Amino acid sequence: MTNTRQEIEPFNYIELFKRNTALIVTMDKSGKLNMMALDWKKMEEIDDKTVIRAQVAYSRYTYTLLTEGVNEFTINIPSNNMYHAVDIAGSYSGINTDKFQKAGLETIPGQKTKVPTIKD
């Protein structure tokens, strides 16, 4: 995998964002990471600010991390060679599975968040 991160304007990759499953990365207060396959997402403008609305069911471990862990997250649009990670993220619970290890993914430290982004 490449060690790349590309900062983009909000609507640069909107078609890719809308049609592909994204990976949302969350973290508990001790630094343990989790990722979830995210299909329920929308980009919109609210009060002249671009926001991403991500819908996560209350019953998901990701919801627990968003509300009780680090109150930040990253949304990652997978490259073509990462779709195995989407399958793993959507098939296992982060409560008892290290999805990053299982998918062979590495992270890059966040620039504006405590939560990292996914390499590649």
N, C-alpha and C. Protein backbone atom coordinates (compact mmCIF):
# COMPACT_ATOMS: atom_id res chain seq x y z
N MET A 1 0.83 -1.18 0.00
CA MET A 1 0.00 0.00 0.00
C MET A 1 0.88 1.25 0.00
N THR A 2 0.34 2.27 -0.53
CA THR A 2 1.08 3.52 -0.57
C THR A 2 0.79 4.33 0.69
N ASN A 3 1.71 5.19 1.02
CA ASN A 3 1.55 6.03 2.21
C ASN A 3 1.03 7.39 1.75
N THR A 4 -0.17 7.41 1.21
CA THR A 4 -0.69 8.65 0.65
C THR A 4 -1.95 9.07 1.37
N ARG A 5 -2.10 10.34 1.46
CA ARG A 5 -3.35 10.94 1.94
C ARG A 5 -3.52 12.17 1.09
N GLN A 6 -4.71 12.34 0.61
CA GLN A 6 -4.97 13.48 -0.25
C GLN A 6 -6.08 14.29 0.36
N GLU A 7 -5.79 15.53 0.71
CA GLU A 7 -6.83 16.41 1.22
C GLU A 7 -7.61 16.94 0.02
N ILE A 8 -8.91 16.82 0.09
CA ILE A 8 -9.76 17.19 -1.05
C ILE A 8 -10.81 18.20 -0.63
N GLU A 9 -11.30 18.92 -1.58
CA GLU A 9 -12.43 19.81 -1.34
C GLU A 9 -13.67 18.93 -1.17
N PRO A 10 -14.65 19.40 -0.44
CA PRO A 10 -15.80 18.56 -0.09
C PRO A 10 -16.47 17.82 -1.25
N PHE A 11 -16.65 18.46 -2.38
CA PHE A 11 -17.43 17.81 -3.43
C PHE A 11 -16.57 17.26 -4.57
N ASN A 12 -15.23 17.20 -4.40
CA ASN A 12 -14.35 16.70 -5.46
C ASN A 12 -14.67 15.26 -5.87
N TYR A 13 -14.93 14.41 -4.90
CA TYR A 13 -15.14 12.99 -5.17
C TYR A 13 -16.55 12.56 -4.77
N ILE A 14 -17.50 13.44 -4.95
CA ILE A 14 -18.87 13.17 -4.49
C ILE A 14 -19.47 11.92 -5.14
N GLU A 15 -19.23 11.71 -6.41
CA GLU A 15 -19.80 10.52 -7.08
C GLU A 15 -19.20 9.25 -6.50
N LEU A 16 -17.89 9.24 -6.29
CA LEU A 16 -17.23 8.10 -5.68
C LEU A 16 -17.74 7.89 -4.26
N PHE A 17 -17.90 8.97 -3.52
CA PHE A 17 -18.40 8.92 -2.15
C PHE A 17 -19.82 8.35 -2.12
N LYS A 18 -20.68 8.80 -3.03
CA LYS A 18 -22.08 8.38 -3.02
C LYS A 18 -22.25 6.93 -3.43
N ARG A 19 -21.47 6.44 -4.38
CA ARG A 19 -21.74 5.09 -4.90
C ARG A 19 -20.94 3.99 -4.22
N ASN A 20 -19.93 4.33 -3.44
CA ASN A 20 -19.10 3.30 -2.80
C ASN A 20 -19.34 3.24 -1.30
N THR A 21 -19.20 2.04 -0.77
CA THR A 21 -19.21 1.88 0.68
C THR A 21 -17.94 2.50 1.22
N ALA A 22 -18.07 3.32 2.23
CA ALA A 22 -16.91 3.95 2.87
C ALA A 22 -16.55 3.15 4.11
N LEU A 23 -15.41 3.48 4.67
CA LEU A 23 -15.00 2.91 5.95
C LEU A 23 -14.91 4.04 6.96
N ILE A 24 -15.69 3.91 8.02
CA ILE A 24 -15.62 4.90 9.10
C ILE A 24 -14.70 4.32 10.16
N VAL A 25 -13.74 5.12 10.61
CA VAL A 25 -12.79 4.68 11.63
C VAL A 25 -13.10 5.42 12.92
N THR A 26 -13.22 4.66 14.00
CA THR A 26 -13.49 5.21 15.33
C THR A 26 -12.42 4.69 16.29
N MET A 27 -12.41 5.25 17.51
CA MET A 27 -11.38 4.86 18.47
C MET A 27 -11.94 4.98 19.88
N ASP A 28 -11.58 4.01 20.73
CA ASP A 28 -11.99 4.15 22.13
C ASP A 28 -10.97 5.03 22.86
N LYS A 29 -11.26 5.34 24.11
CA LYS A 29 -10.42 6.27 24.86
C LYS A 29 -9.01 5.75 25.13
N SER A 30 -8.81 4.43 25.03
CA SER A 30 -7.47 3.87 25.24
C SER A 30 -6.67 3.81 23.93
N GLY A 31 -7.30 4.18 22.81
CA GLY A 31 -6.60 4.18 21.53
C GLY A 31 -6.88 2.99 20.64
N LYS A 32 -7.73 2.06 21.10
CA LYS A 32 -8.09 0.90 20.27
C LYS A 32 -8.97 1.37 19.11
N LEU A 33 -8.59 0.97 17.89
CA LEU A 33 -9.31 1.38 16.70
C LEU A 33 -10.38 0.39 16.29
N ASN A 34 -11.36 0.89 15.58
CA ASN A 34 -12.40 0.07 14.98
C ASN A 34 -12.75 0.69 13.64
N MET A 35 -13.18 -0.14 12.71
CA MET A 35 -13.72 0.39 11.45
C MET A 35 -15.02 -0.32 11.14
N MET A 36 -15.88 0.39 10.46
CA MET A 36 -17.19 -0.14 10.08
C MET A 36 -17.46 0.21 8.63
N ALA A 37 -18.07 -0.72 7.91
CA ALA A 37 -18.52 -0.43 6.55
C ALA A 37 -19.69 0.54 6.65
N LEU A 38 -19.62 1.63 5.91
CA LEU A 38 -20.61 2.69 6.02
C LEU A 38 -21.29 2.94 4.68
N ASP A 39 -22.54 2.54 4.60
CA ASP A 39 -23.33 2.82 3.39
C ASP A 39 -24.28 3.98 3.60
N TRP A 40 -24.77 4.15 4.81
CA TRP A 40 -25.74 5.20 5.10
C TRP A 40 -25.01 6.49 5.39
N LYS A 41 -24.72 7.22 4.35
CA LYS A 41 -23.98 8.47 4.46
C LYS A 41 -24.50 9.46 3.45
N LYS A 42 -24.32 10.72 3.76
CA LYS A 42 -24.80 11.77 2.87
C LYS A 42 -23.95 13.01 3.10
N MET A 43 -23.62 13.69 2.01
CA MET A 43 -22.92 14.96 2.12
C MET A 43 -23.91 16.06 1.82
N GLU A 44 -23.92 17.09 2.66
CA GLU A 44 -24.88 18.18 2.48
C GLU A 44 -24.32 19.47 3.03
N GLU A 45 -25.01 20.54 2.78
CA GLU A 45 -24.63 21.86 3.30
C GLU A 45 -25.62 22.24 4.40
N ILE A 46 -25.08 22.62 5.55
CA ILE A 46 -25.89 23.09 6.67
C ILE A 46 -25.25 24.39 7.16
N ASP A 47 -26.03 25.46 7.17
CA ASP A 47 -25.52 26.77 7.59
C ASP A 47 -24.22 27.14 6.87
N ASP A 48 -24.21 26.93 5.58
CA ASP A 48 -23.06 27.26 4.71
C ASP A 48 -21.80 26.45 5.03
N LYS A 49 -21.95 25.31 5.70
CA LYS A 49 -20.83 24.42 5.97
C LYS A 49 -21.14 23.07 5.36
N THR A 50 -20.14 22.48 4.74
CA THR A 50 -20.30 21.14 4.19
C THR A 50 -20.13 20.13 5.32
N VAL A 51 -21.08 19.24 5.47
CA VAL A 51 -21.02 18.21 6.50
C VAL A 51 -21.32 16.85 5.88
N ILE A 52 -20.79 15.83 6.52
CA ILE A 52 -21.12 14.46 6.15
C ILE A 52 -21.98 13.90 7.26
N ARG A 53 -23.13 13.41 6.89
CA ARG A 53 -24.03 12.78 7.85
C ARG A 53 -23.83 11.27 7.72
N ALA A 54 -23.41 10.65 8.81
CA ALA A 54 -23.22 9.20 8.83
C ALA A 54 -24.22 8.60 9.79
N GLN A 55 -24.98 7.65 9.32
CA GLN A 55 -26.00 7.02 10.17
C GLN A 55 -25.48 5.67 10.65
N VAL A 56 -25.39 5.54 11.97
CA VAL A 56 -24.89 4.34 12.60
C VAL A 56 -25.94 3.86 13.59
N ALA A 57 -26.34 2.61 13.48
CA ALA A 57 -27.37 2.06 14.36
C ALA A 57 -26.91 2.06 15.81
N TYR A 58 -27.84 2.31 16.71
CA TYR A 58 -27.55 2.33 18.15
C TYR A 58 -26.92 1.03 18.62
N SER A 59 -27.28 -0.08 17.99
CA SER A 59 -26.82 -1.39 18.44
C SER A 59 -25.38 -1.71 18.03
N ARG A 60 -24.75 -0.87 17.26
CA ARG A 60 -23.40 -1.15 16.73
C ARG A 60 -22.31 -0.69 17.71
N TYR A 61 -21.23 -1.45 17.72
CA TYR A 61 -20.06 -1.10 18.51
C TYR A 61 -19.54 0.27 18.10
N THR A 62 -19.60 0.58 16.83
CA THR A 62 -19.16 1.89 16.33
C THR A 62 -19.94 3.00 17.01
N TYR A 63 -21.23 2.82 17.21
CA TYR A 63 -22.05 3.83 17.90
C TYR A 63 -21.53 4.04 19.32
N THR A 64 -21.21 2.95 20.00
CA THR A 64 -20.67 3.06 21.36
C THR A 64 -19.38 3.87 21.36
N LEU A 65 -18.50 3.61 20.38
CA LEU A 65 -17.24 4.36 20.31
C LEU A 65 -17.48 5.83 19.98
N LEU A 66 -18.45 6.11 19.15
CA LEU A 66 -18.75 7.50 18.80
C LEU A 66 -19.31 8.28 19.99
N THR A 67 -20.03 7.60 20.86
CA THR A 67 -20.68 8.29 21.97
C THR A 67 -19.91 8.18 23.28
N GLU A 68 -19.10 7.13 23.45
CA GLU A 68 -18.38 6.93 24.70
C GLU A 68 -16.86 6.93 24.52
N GLY A 69 -16.39 6.81 23.30
CA GLY A 69 -14.96 6.80 23.03
C GLY A 69 -14.48 8.19 22.66
N VAL A 70 -13.53 8.26 21.75
CA VAL A 70 -13.05 9.54 21.24
C VAL A 70 -14.15 10.11 20.35
N ASN A 71 -14.54 11.33 20.61
CA ASN A 71 -15.69 11.94 19.93
C ASN A 71 -15.29 12.50 18.56
N GLU A 72 -14.54 11.71 17.80
CA GLU A 72 -14.13 12.05 16.44
C GLU A 72 -14.13 10.78 15.61
N PHE A 73 -14.10 10.94 14.31
CA PHE A 73 -14.01 9.79 13.42
C PHE A 73 -13.44 10.25 12.09
N THR A 74 -13.00 9.30 11.29
CA THR A 74 -12.61 9.62 9.92
C THR A 74 -13.43 8.76 8.98
N ILE A 75 -13.71 9.30 7.81
CA ILE A 75 -14.39 8.55 6.77
C ILE A 75 -13.41 8.38 5.63
N ASN A 76 -13.22 7.13 5.23
CA ASN A 76 -12.23 6.77 4.23
C ASN A 76 -12.92 6.15 3.02
N ILE A 77 -12.58 6.64 1.84
CA ILE A 77 -13.10 6.05 0.61
C ILE A 77 -12.07 5.03 0.14
N PRO A 78 -12.42 3.75 0.15
CA PRO A 78 -11.44 2.71 -0.18
C PRO A 78 -11.00 2.76 -1.65
N SER A 79 -9.71 2.46 -1.86
CA SER A 79 -9.21 2.31 -3.22
C SER A 79 -9.68 0.94 -3.75
N ASN A 80 -9.49 0.71 -5.02
CA ASN A 80 -9.95 -0.54 -5.64
C ASN A 80 -9.32 -1.79 -5.02
N ASN A 81 -8.11 -1.68 -4.50
CA ASN A 81 -7.47 -2.87 -3.92
C ASN A 81 -7.78 -3.05 -2.44
N MET A 82 -8.78 -2.34 -1.92
CA MET A 82 -9.15 -2.45 -0.51
C MET A 82 -10.55 -3.00 -0.27
N TYR A 83 -11.19 -3.50 -1.29
CA TYR A 83 -12.57 -3.93 -1.07
C TYR A 83 -12.70 -5.14 -0.15
N HIS A 84 -11.63 -5.92 0.00
CA HIS A 84 -11.65 -7.00 0.98
C HIS A 84 -11.86 -6.43 2.39
N ALA A 85 -11.32 -5.23 2.62
CA ALA A 85 -11.46 -4.58 3.93
C ALA A 85 -12.92 -4.20 4.20
N VAL A 86 -13.63 -3.81 3.16
CA VAL A 86 -15.05 -3.47 3.32
C VAL A 86 -15.82 -4.72 3.74
N ASP A 87 -15.51 -5.85 3.12
CA ASP A 87 -16.16 -7.12 3.50
C ASP A 87 -15.87 -7.46 4.95
N ILE A 88 -14.64 -7.34 5.36
CA ILE A 88 -14.27 -7.65 6.75
C ILE A 88 -14.93 -6.67 7.71
N ALA A 89 -14.90 -5.38 7.37
CA ALA A 89 -15.51 -4.37 8.24
C ALA A 89 -17.00 -4.59 8.42
N GLY A 90 -17.65 -5.10 7.40
CA GLY A 90 -19.09 -5.33 7.47
C GLY A 90 -19.50 -6.70 7.99
N SER A 91 -18.52 -7.58 8.21
CA SER A 91 -18.84 -8.96 8.60
C SER A 91 -18.46 -9.33 10.03
N TYR A 92 -17.66 -8.51 10.68
CA TYR A 92 -17.17 -8.83 12.02
C TYR A 92 -17.45 -7.67 12.95
N SER A 93 -17.53 -7.97 14.25
CA SER A 93 -17.68 -6.93 15.25
C SER A 93 -16.31 -6.56 15.80
N GLY A 94 -16.09 -5.28 15.97
CA GLY A 94 -14.83 -4.80 16.54
C GLY A 94 -14.71 -5.08 18.02
N ILE A 95 -15.77 -5.53 18.64
CA ILE A 95 -15.71 -5.88 20.07
C ILE A 95 -14.70 -7.00 20.28
N ASN A 96 -14.73 -8.00 19.40
CA ASN A 96 -13.85 -9.15 19.59
C ASN A 96 -12.94 -9.44 18.39
N THR A 97 -12.87 -8.53 17.43
CA THR A 97 -12.02 -8.74 16.25
C THR A 97 -11.24 -7.47 15.94
N ASP A 98 -9.94 -7.61 15.73
CA ASP A 98 -9.13 -6.49 15.25
C ASP A 98 -9.28 -6.49 13.73
N LYS A 99 -10.19 -5.69 13.23
CA LYS A 99 -10.50 -5.68 11.80
C LYS A 99 -9.33 -5.17 10.96
N PHE A 100 -8.53 -4.27 11.51
CA PHE A 100 -7.36 -3.77 10.79
C PHE A 100 -6.36 -4.89 10.55
N GLN A 101 -6.11 -5.67 11.59
CA GLN A 101 -5.18 -6.80 11.46
C GLN A 101 -5.74 -7.84 10.50
N LYS A 102 -7.01 -8.17 10.65
CA LYS A 102 -7.64 -9.17 9.80
C LYS A 102 -7.61 -8.76 8.33
N ALA A 103 -7.77 -7.47 8.04
CA ALA A 103 -7.78 -6.98 6.67
C ALA A 103 -6.38 -6.60 6.17
N GLY A 104 -5.39 -6.63 7.05
CA GLY A 104 -4.03 -6.26 6.66
C GLY A 104 -3.88 -4.78 6.36
N LEU A 105 -4.61 -3.94 7.09
CA LEU A 105 -4.57 -2.50 6.85
C LEU A 105 -3.66 -1.80 7.85
N GLU A 106 -3.09 -0.71 7.40
CA GLU A 106 -2.29 0.15 8.26
C GLU A 106 -2.97 1.52 8.30
N THR A 107 -2.59 2.31 9.29
CA THR A 107 -3.17 3.64 9.42
C THR A 107 -2.09 4.72 9.31
N ILE A 108 -2.56 5.92 9.06
CA ILE A 108 -1.72 7.11 9.03
C ILE A 108 -2.27 8.03 10.12
N PRO A 109 -1.42 8.59 10.98
CA PRO A 109 -1.93 9.47 12.04
C PRO A 109 -2.78 10.60 11.46
N GLY A 110 -3.83 10.95 12.18
CA GLY A 110 -4.70 12.04 11.75
C GLY A 110 -3.96 13.36 11.76
N GLN A 111 -4.31 14.24 10.85
CA GLN A 111 -3.73 15.58 10.83
C GLN A 111 -4.58 16.55 11.64
N LYS A 112 -5.89 16.35 11.60
CA LYS A 112 -6.81 17.26 12.29
C LYS A 112 -7.65 16.53 13.32
N THR A 113 -7.46 15.23 13.44
CA THR A 113 -8.21 14.42 14.40
C THR A 113 -7.27 13.49 15.16
N LYS A 114 -7.71 13.03 16.30
CA LYS A 114 -6.96 12.01 17.03
C LYS A 114 -7.08 10.67 16.32
N VAL A 115 -8.18 10.48 15.61
CA VAL A 115 -8.45 9.22 14.91
C VAL A 115 -7.68 9.22 13.60
N PRO A 116 -6.97 8.14 13.29
CA PRO A 116 -6.19 8.10 12.06
C PRO A 116 -7.04 7.83 10.82
N THR A 117 -6.39 7.96 9.67
CA THR A 117 -6.99 7.53 8.42
C THR A 117 -6.34 6.22 8.01
N ILE A 118 -6.93 5.58 7.02
CA ILE A 118 -6.41 4.30 6.53
C ILE A 118 -5.41 4.57 5.41
N LYS A 119 -4.28 3.89 5.45
CA LYS A 119 -3.29 3.99 4.37
C LYS A 119 -3.91 3.53 3.07
N ASP A 120 -3.54 4.15 1.97
CA ASP A 120 -4.00 3.83 0.63
C ASP A 120 -5.42 4.32 0.42
